[in-house]
Amino acid sequence: MESLGWEEGGRAWEWRHSLLAWEEKSMRECFEVLHNIVLQVDVADSWKWLLDPVHGYSVREVYRFLTSSGEQVDRSLVDDV
């Protein structure tokens, strides 16, 4: 991954314009989530949406989860959806 520029300060994190404050925060959060993931060249990987591993991601299912799951959810997440 480091050879591709994904380390902190690497080329993968360069932008065409200066990031706004909220974009900078989102980019930092993304980096924190991804920084310790190791990809291997000869191993296939895939994404799996845990709320619906059969059909995958949908905005409808996320909205349904956020509004009716009974889980304590940050209201700003629901407002963004």
N, C-alpha and C. Protein backbone atom coordinates (compact mmCIF):
# COMPACT_ATOMS: atom_id res chain seq x y z
N MET A 1 0.82 -1.20 0.00
CA MET A 1 0.00 0.00 0.00
C MET A 1 0.86 1.26 0.00
N GLU A 2 1.95 1.21 0.76
CA GLU A 2 2.79 2.40 0.81
C GLU A 2 3.38 2.72 -0.55
N SER A 3 3.65 1.69 -1.34
CA SER A 3 4.22 1.94 -2.67
C SER A 3 3.22 2.67 -3.57
N LEU A 4 1.93 2.58 -3.23
CA LEU A 4 0.89 3.27 -4.00
C LEU A 4 0.62 4.67 -3.47
N GLY A 5 1.28 5.04 -2.37
CA GLY A 5 1.10 6.38 -1.84
C GLY A 5 -0.01 6.51 -0.82
N TRP A 6 -0.44 5.42 -0.21
CA TRP A 6 -1.55 5.47 0.75
C TRP A 6 -1.10 5.79 2.16
N GLU A 7 0.21 5.84 2.41
CA GLU A 7 0.66 6.20 3.75
C GLU A 7 0.32 7.67 4.00
N GLU A 8 0.34 8.07 5.25
CA GLU A 8 0.01 9.46 5.58
C GLU A 8 0.95 10.39 4.84
N GLY A 9 0.38 11.38 4.15
CA GLY A 9 1.17 12.31 3.36
C GLY A 9 1.53 11.79 1.98
N GLY A 10 1.07 10.57 1.61
CA GLY A 10 1.38 9.98 0.32
C GLY A 10 0.59 10.60 -0.82
N ARG A 11 0.94 10.23 -2.04
CA ARG A 11 0.32 10.82 -3.24
C ARG A 11 -1.16 10.51 -3.36
N ALA A 12 -1.62 9.42 -2.76
CA ALA A 12 -3.05 9.08 -2.85
C ALA A 12 -3.92 10.08 -2.10
N TRP A 13 -3.30 10.87 -1.22
CA TRP A 13 -4.05 11.84 -0.41
C TRP A 13 -3.87 13.27 -0.92
N GLU A 14 -3.46 13.45 -2.17
CA GLU A 14 -3.30 14.78 -2.75
C GLU A 14 -4.61 15.18 -3.42
N TRP A 15 -4.97 16.45 -3.34
CA TRP A 15 -6.24 16.94 -3.87
C TRP A 15 -6.00 18.06 -4.86
N ARG A 16 -6.94 18.26 -5.78
CA ARG A 16 -6.82 19.32 -6.79
C ARG A 16 -7.07 20.70 -6.21
N HIS A 17 -7.76 20.76 -5.07
CA HIS A 17 -8.02 22.04 -4.42
C HIS A 17 -7.84 21.86 -2.91
N SER A 18 -7.71 22.95 -2.22
CA SER A 18 -7.60 22.87 -0.76
C SER A 18 -8.92 22.35 -0.19
N LEU A 19 -8.82 21.46 0.78
CA LEU A 19 -10.02 20.90 1.37
C LEU A 19 -10.66 21.88 2.34
N LEU A 20 -11.99 21.86 2.36
CA LEU A 20 -12.71 22.63 3.36
C LEU A 20 -12.55 21.93 4.70
N ALA A 21 -12.89 22.60 5.79
CA ALA A 21 -12.69 22.03 7.12
C ALA A 21 -13.40 20.69 7.28
N TRP A 22 -14.67 20.59 6.81
CA TRP A 22 -15.41 19.34 6.98
C TRP A 22 -14.84 18.24 6.09
N GLU A 23 -14.28 18.63 4.92
CA GLU A 23 -13.65 17.63 4.05
C GLU A 23 -12.37 17.11 4.68
N GLU A 24 -11.62 18.01 5.30
CA GLU A 24 -10.40 17.63 5.99
C GLU A 24 -10.71 16.65 7.12
N LYS A 25 -11.77 16.92 7.86
CA LYS A 25 -12.18 16.03 8.95
C LYS A 25 -12.59 14.67 8.39
N SER A 26 -13.37 14.65 7.32
CA SER A 26 -13.79 13.39 6.69
C SER A 26 -12.60 12.61 6.16
N MET A 27 -11.65 13.31 5.56
CA MET A 27 -10.45 12.65 5.04
C MET A 27 -9.64 12.03 6.18
N ARG A 28 -9.53 12.74 7.29
CA ARG A 28 -8.80 12.21 8.45
C ARG A 28 -9.50 10.97 8.99
N GLU A 29 -10.83 11.00 9.08
CA GLU A 29 -11.59 9.84 9.56
C GLU A 29 -11.40 8.65 8.62
N CYS A 30 -11.42 8.92 7.32
CA CYS A 30 -11.20 7.86 6.33
C CYS A 30 -9.82 7.26 6.51
N PHE A 31 -8.81 8.09 6.66
CA PHE A 31 -7.45 7.59 6.84
C PHE A 31 -7.36 6.73 8.09
N GLU A 32 -7.99 7.17 9.18
CA GLU A 32 -7.93 6.41 10.44
C GLU A 32 -8.57 5.03 10.28
N VAL A 33 -9.63 4.95 9.49
CA VAL A 33 -10.30 3.66 9.26
C VAL A 33 -9.44 2.75 8.39
N LEU A 34 -8.80 3.32 7.38
CA LEU A 34 -8.09 2.52 6.38
C LEU A 34 -6.61 2.27 6.66
N HIS A 35 -6.00 3.02 7.57
CA HIS A 35 -4.54 2.99 7.68
C HIS A 35 -3.97 1.63 8.07
N ASN A 36 -4.71 0.79 8.75
CA ASN A 36 -4.14 -0.50 9.16
C ASN A 36 -4.67 -1.69 8.36
N ILE A 37 -5.34 -1.42 7.27
CA ILE A 37 -5.82 -2.49 6.40
C ILE A 37 -4.68 -2.92 5.47
N VAL A 38 -4.48 -4.21 5.39
CA VAL A 38 -3.40 -4.74 4.56
C VAL A 38 -4.02 -5.49 3.38
N LEU A 39 -3.68 -5.09 2.17
CA LEU A 39 -4.13 -5.79 0.97
C LEU A 39 -2.98 -6.63 0.44
N GLN A 40 -3.31 -7.82 -0.04
CA GLN A 40 -2.29 -8.71 -0.58
C GLN A 40 -2.54 -8.89 -2.07
N VAL A 41 -1.48 -8.89 -2.83
CA VAL A 41 -1.57 -8.92 -4.28
C VAL A 41 -2.31 -10.15 -4.80
N ASP A 42 -2.05 -11.33 -4.28
CA ASP A 42 -2.63 -12.56 -4.83
C ASP A 42 -3.88 -13.04 -4.09
N VAL A 43 -4.50 -12.19 -3.30
CA VAL A 43 -5.68 -12.58 -2.53
C VAL A 43 -6.85 -11.70 -2.95
N ALA A 44 -7.94 -12.34 -3.39
CA ALA A 44 -9.13 -11.60 -3.81
C ALA A 44 -9.81 -11.01 -2.57
N ASP A 45 -10.36 -9.82 -2.72
CA ASP A 45 -11.10 -9.21 -1.62
C ASP A 45 -12.44 -8.73 -2.16
N SER A 46 -13.36 -8.46 -1.26
CA SER A 46 -14.66 -7.95 -1.67
C SER A 46 -15.29 -7.19 -0.51
N TRP A 47 -16.23 -6.31 -0.86
CA TRP A 47 -16.99 -5.58 0.14
C TRP A 47 -18.23 -6.39 0.48
N LYS A 48 -18.66 -6.31 1.72
CA LYS A 48 -19.89 -6.96 2.12
C LYS A 48 -20.65 -5.99 3.02
N TRP A 49 -21.89 -5.69 2.67
CA TRP A 49 -22.73 -4.81 3.47
C TRP A 49 -23.38 -5.66 4.55
N LEU A 50 -22.99 -5.44 5.81
CA LEU A 50 -23.41 -6.31 6.89
C LEU A 50 -24.91 -6.21 7.19
N LEU A 51 -25.54 -5.08 6.88
CA LEU A 51 -26.99 -4.98 7.11
C LEU A 51 -27.78 -5.85 6.15
N ASP A 52 -27.24 -6.11 4.98
CA ASP A 52 -27.89 -6.97 4.00
C ASP A 52 -26.82 -7.61 3.12
N PRO A 53 -26.16 -8.68 3.61
CA PRO A 53 -25.07 -9.29 2.85
C PRO A 53 -25.52 -9.96 1.55
N VAL A 54 -26.81 -10.28 1.42
CA VAL A 54 -27.31 -10.93 0.20
C VAL A 54 -27.50 -9.92 -0.93
N HIS A 55 -28.22 -8.84 -0.67
CA HIS A 55 -28.54 -7.87 -1.71
C HIS A 55 -27.58 -6.69 -1.76
N GLY A 56 -26.85 -6.47 -0.68
CA GLY A 56 -25.88 -5.37 -0.65
C GLY A 56 -26.49 -4.07 -0.17
N TYR A 57 -25.72 -3.02 -0.37
CA TYR A 57 -26.05 -1.69 0.13
C TYR A 57 -27.22 -1.07 -0.62
N SER A 58 -28.09 -0.38 0.11
CA SER A 58 -29.08 0.50 -0.51
C SER A 58 -29.38 1.62 0.47
N VAL A 59 -29.64 2.80 -0.06
CA VAL A 59 -29.97 3.95 0.78
C VAL A 59 -31.24 3.66 1.56
N ARG A 60 -32.20 2.99 0.94
CA ARG A 60 -33.46 2.65 1.60
C ARG A 60 -33.20 1.85 2.87
N GLU A 61 -32.35 0.82 2.79
CA GLU A 61 -32.08 -0.01 3.95
C GLU A 61 -31.32 0.74 5.03
N VAL A 62 -30.40 1.62 4.64
CA VAL A 62 -29.69 2.43 5.63
C VAL A 62 -30.67 3.35 6.34
N TYR A 63 -31.52 4.01 5.57
CA TYR A 63 -32.52 4.91 6.17
C TYR A 63 -33.43 4.14 7.12
N ARG A 64 -33.88 2.98 6.70
CA ARG A 64 -34.74 2.15 7.54
C ARG A 64 -34.01 1.78 8.84
N PHE A 65 -32.76 1.40 8.73
CA PHE A 65 -31.98 1.05 9.91
C PHE A 65 -31.84 2.25 10.85
N LEU A 66 -31.48 3.41 10.28
CA LEU A 66 -31.24 4.58 11.11
C LEU A 66 -32.51 5.09 11.79
N THR A 67 -33.65 4.92 11.14
CA THR A 67 -34.88 5.50 11.69
C THR A 67 -35.72 4.52 12.49
N SER A 68 -35.47 3.21 12.38
CA SER A 68 -36.37 2.29 13.06
C SER A 68 -35.69 1.13 13.79
N SER A 69 -34.39 1.16 13.91
CA SER A 69 -33.70 0.01 14.49
C SER A 69 -33.77 -0.03 16.00
N GLY A 70 -34.11 1.08 16.63
CA GLY A 70 -34.09 1.12 18.08
C GLY A 70 -32.71 1.39 18.64
N GLU A 71 -31.70 1.39 17.77
CA GLU A 71 -30.33 1.71 18.18
C GLU A 71 -30.24 3.21 18.43
N GLN A 72 -29.37 3.59 19.35
CA GLN A 72 -29.09 5.00 19.57
C GLN A 72 -28.27 5.50 18.40
N VAL A 73 -28.82 6.41 17.61
CA VAL A 73 -28.17 6.87 16.39
C VAL A 73 -28.00 8.38 16.45
N ASP A 74 -26.85 8.84 16.01
CA ASP A 74 -26.59 10.28 15.91
C ASP A 74 -27.59 10.87 14.91
N ARG A 75 -28.43 11.80 15.35
CA ARG A 75 -29.47 12.38 14.49
C ARG A 75 -28.88 13.08 13.27
N SER A 76 -27.67 13.59 13.35
CA SER A 76 -27.08 14.25 12.19
C SER A 76 -26.88 13.25 11.03
N LEU A 77 -26.68 11.98 11.34
CA LEU A 77 -26.55 10.96 10.30
C LEU A 77 -27.87 10.81 9.56
N VAL A 78 -28.97 10.78 10.30
CA VAL A 78 -30.29 10.63 9.68
C VAL A 78 -30.61 11.86 8.85
N ASP A 79 -30.28 13.04 9.36
CA ASP A 79 -30.54 14.27 8.63
C ASP A 79 -29.77 14.30 7.31
N ASP A 80 -28.53 13.77 7.31
CA ASP A 80 -27.73 13.74 6.10
C ASP A 80 -28.34 12.81 5.06
N VAL A 81 -28.95 11.71 5.49
CA VAL A 81 -29.57 10.78 4.55
C VAL A 81 -30.82 11.41 4.01
